[in-house]
Amino acid sequence: MKLTSMKDAISRYVQDGAVVAIEGFTAFICFSAAHEIIRQQKKELTLCRMTPDLIYDQLVAAGCASKLVFSYLGNPGV
């Protein structure tokens, strides 16, 4: 099994304009992936998720997203 850092994975696999889904529930939300996308200043992303949450709020606020696709809008603060 080959491992890579989050920094390298985001750099290699998430390009500007990509469709991105960062899934997880409660304790399993991958904050590190979202924060690395923000650090690398990725732009024009389409963000997909069953229920958007705090990391999607952060990605939108950081100017990374151009579109959101989700199935349920009911989480507080979204």
C-alpha atoms as a PDB file:
ATOM      1  CA  MET A   1       0.000   0.000   0.000  1.00  0.00           C
ATOM      2  CA  LYS A   2       1.336   3.423  -0.961  1.00  0.00           C
ATOM      3  CA  LEU A   3       0.635   6.447   1.246  1.00  0.00           C
ATOM      4  CA  THR A   4       0.791  10.116   0.363  1.00  0.00           C
ATOM      5  CA  SER A   5       0.382  13.309   2.331  1.00  0.00           C
ATOM      6  CA  MET A   6      -2.875  15.260   2.259  1.00  0.00           C
ATOM      7  CA  LYS A   7      -0.953  18.185   0.745  1.00  0.00           C
ATOM      8  CA  ASP A   8       0.289  16.060  -2.159  1.00  0.00           C
ATOM      9  CA  ALA A   9      -3.067  14.309  -2.665  1.00  0.00           C
ATOM     10  CA  ILE A  10      -4.985  17.596  -2.920  1.00  0.00           C
ATOM     11  CA  SER A  11      -2.335  19.093  -5.194  1.00  0.00           C
ATOM     12  CA  ARG A  12      -2.418  16.094  -7.518  1.00  0.00           C
ATOM     13  CA  TYR A  13      -6.105  15.164  -7.569  1.00  0.00           C
ATOM     14  CA  VAL A  14      -8.059  18.392  -6.940  1.00  0.00           C
ATOM     15  CA  GLN A  15      -7.719  20.860  -9.776  1.00  0.00           C
ATOM     16  CA  ASP A  16      -9.490  24.204 -10.158  1.00  0.00           C
ATOM     17  CA  GLY A  17     -12.988  23.569 -11.531  1.00  0.00           C
ATOM     18  CA  ALA A  18     -13.162  19.996 -10.189  1.00  0.00           C
ATOM     19  CA  VAL A  19     -16.214  18.305  -8.710  1.00  0.00           C
ATOM     20  CA  VAL A  20     -15.385  17.393  -5.108  1.00  0.00           C
ATOM     21  CA  ALA A  21     -17.247  15.307  -2.524  1.00  0.00           C
ATOM     22  CA  ILE A  22     -15.883  15.244   1.015  1.00  0.00           C
ATOM     23  CA  GLU A  23     -18.093  12.851   2.946  1.00  0.00           C
ATOM     24  CA  GLY A  24     -18.170  11.782   6.561  1.00  0.00           C
ATOM     25  CA  PHE A  25     -20.550  12.062   9.466  1.00  0.00           C
ATOM     26  CA  THR A  26     -19.950  13.916  12.717  1.00  0.00           C
ATOM     27  CA  ALA A  27     -16.567  12.686  14.003  1.00  0.00           C
ATOM     28  CA  PHE A  28     -15.557  11.393  10.568  1.00  0.00           C
ATOM     29  CA  ILE A  29     -15.787  14.662   8.626  1.00  0.00           C
ATOM     30  CA  CYS A  30     -12.453  15.136   6.861  1.00  0.00           C
ATOM     31  CA  PHE A  31     -11.516  18.643   7.997  1.00  0.00           C
ATOM     32  CA  SER A  32      -7.917  18.092   6.907  1.00  0.00           C
ATOM     33  CA  ALA A  33      -8.921  17.680   3.243  1.00  0.00           C
ATOM     34  CA  ALA A  34     -11.094  20.800   3.250  1.00  0.00           C
ATOM     35  CA  HIS A  35      -8.480  22.869   5.047  1.00  0.00           C
ATOM     36  CA  GLU A  36      -5.799  21.755   2.586  1.00  0.00           C
ATOM     37  CA  ILE A  37      -8.042  22.776  -0.330  1.00  0.00           C
ATOM     38  CA  ILE A  38      -8.388  26.190   1.315  1.00  0.00           C
ATOM     39  CA  ARG A  39      -4.606  26.447   1.956  1.00  0.00           C
ATOM     40  CA  GLN A  40      -3.918  25.659  -1.704  1.00  0.00           C
ATOM     41  CA  GLN A  41      -6.527  28.236  -2.769  1.00  0.00           C
ATOM     42  CA  LYS A  42      -8.383  25.922  -5.145  1.00  0.00           C
ATOM     43  CA  LYS A  43     -11.092  27.789  -7.100  1.00  0.00           C
ATOM     44  CA  GLU A  44     -14.356  27.233  -8.986  1.00  0.00           C
ATOM     45  CA  LEU A  45     -15.063  23.886  -7.304  1.00  0.00           C
ATOM     46  CA  THR A  46     -18.426  22.160  -7.466  1.00  0.00           C
ATOM     47  CA  LEU A  47     -18.980  20.802  -3.958  1.00  0.00           C
ATOM     48  CA  CYS A  48     -21.206  17.729  -3.573  1.00  0.00           C
ATOM     49  CA  ARG A  49     -22.413  16.289  -0.291  1.00  0.00           C
ATOM     50  CA  MET A  50     -25.462  14.591   1.176  1.00  0.00           C
ATOM     51  CA  THR A  51     -25.794  17.307   3.830  1.00  0.00           C
ATOM     52  CA  PRO A  52     -23.414  20.283   3.713  1.00  0.00           C
ATOM     53  CA  ASP A  53     -21.785  21.167   7.000  1.00  0.00           C
ATOM     54  CA  LEU A  54     -19.107  23.331   8.574  1.00  0.00           C
ATOM     55  CA  ILE A  55     -16.325  22.408   6.146  1.00  0.00           C
ATOM     56  CA  TYR A  56     -18.502  23.393   3.199  1.00  0.00           C
ATOM     57  CA  ASP A  57     -19.290  26.693   4.927  1.00  0.00           C
ATOM     58  CA  GLN A  58     -15.530  27.238   5.217  1.00  0.00           C
ATOM     59  CA  LEU A  59     -14.870  26.305   1.576  1.00  0.00           C
ATOM     60  CA  VAL A  60     -17.570  28.716   0.386  1.00  0.00           C
ATOM     61  CA  ALA A  61     -16.312  31.517   2.661  1.00  0.00           C
ATOM     62  CA  ALA A  62     -12.743  30.970   1.400  1.00  0.00           C
ATOM     63  CA  GLY A  63     -13.904  31.482  -2.189  1.00  0.00           C
ATOM     64  CA  CYS A  64     -13.197  27.910  -3.292  1.00  0.00           C
ATOM     65  CA  ALA A  65     -16.720  27.018  -4.465  1.00  0.00           C
ATOM     66  CA  SER A  66     -18.699  28.075  -7.500  1.00  0.00           C
ATOM     67  CA  LYS A  67     -21.550  25.567  -7.037  1.00  0.00           C
ATOM     68  CA  LEU A  68     -23.086  23.384  -4.305  1.00  0.00           C
ATOM     69  CA  VAL A  69     -24.959  20.139  -4.948  1.00  0.00           C
ATOM     70  CA  PHE A  70     -26.653  18.500  -1.960  1.00  0.00           C
ATOM     71  CA  SER A  71     -29.725  16.464  -1.072  1.00  0.00           C
ATOM     72  CA  TYR A  72     -30.772  18.003   2.251  1.00  0.00           C
ATOM     73  CA  LEU A  73     -30.402  21.470   3.724  1.00  0.00           C
ATOM     74  CA  GLY A  74     -31.214  21.280   7.388  1.00  0.00           C
ATOM     75  CA  ASN A  75     -28.041  21.446   9.410  1.00  0.00           C
ATOM     76  CA  PRO A  76     -27.909  24.496  11.685  1.00  0.00           C
ATOM     77  CA  GLY A  77     -25.687  27.211  10.327  1.00  0.00           C
ATOM     78  CA  VAL A  78     -25.754  26.004   6.726  1.00  0.00           C
END
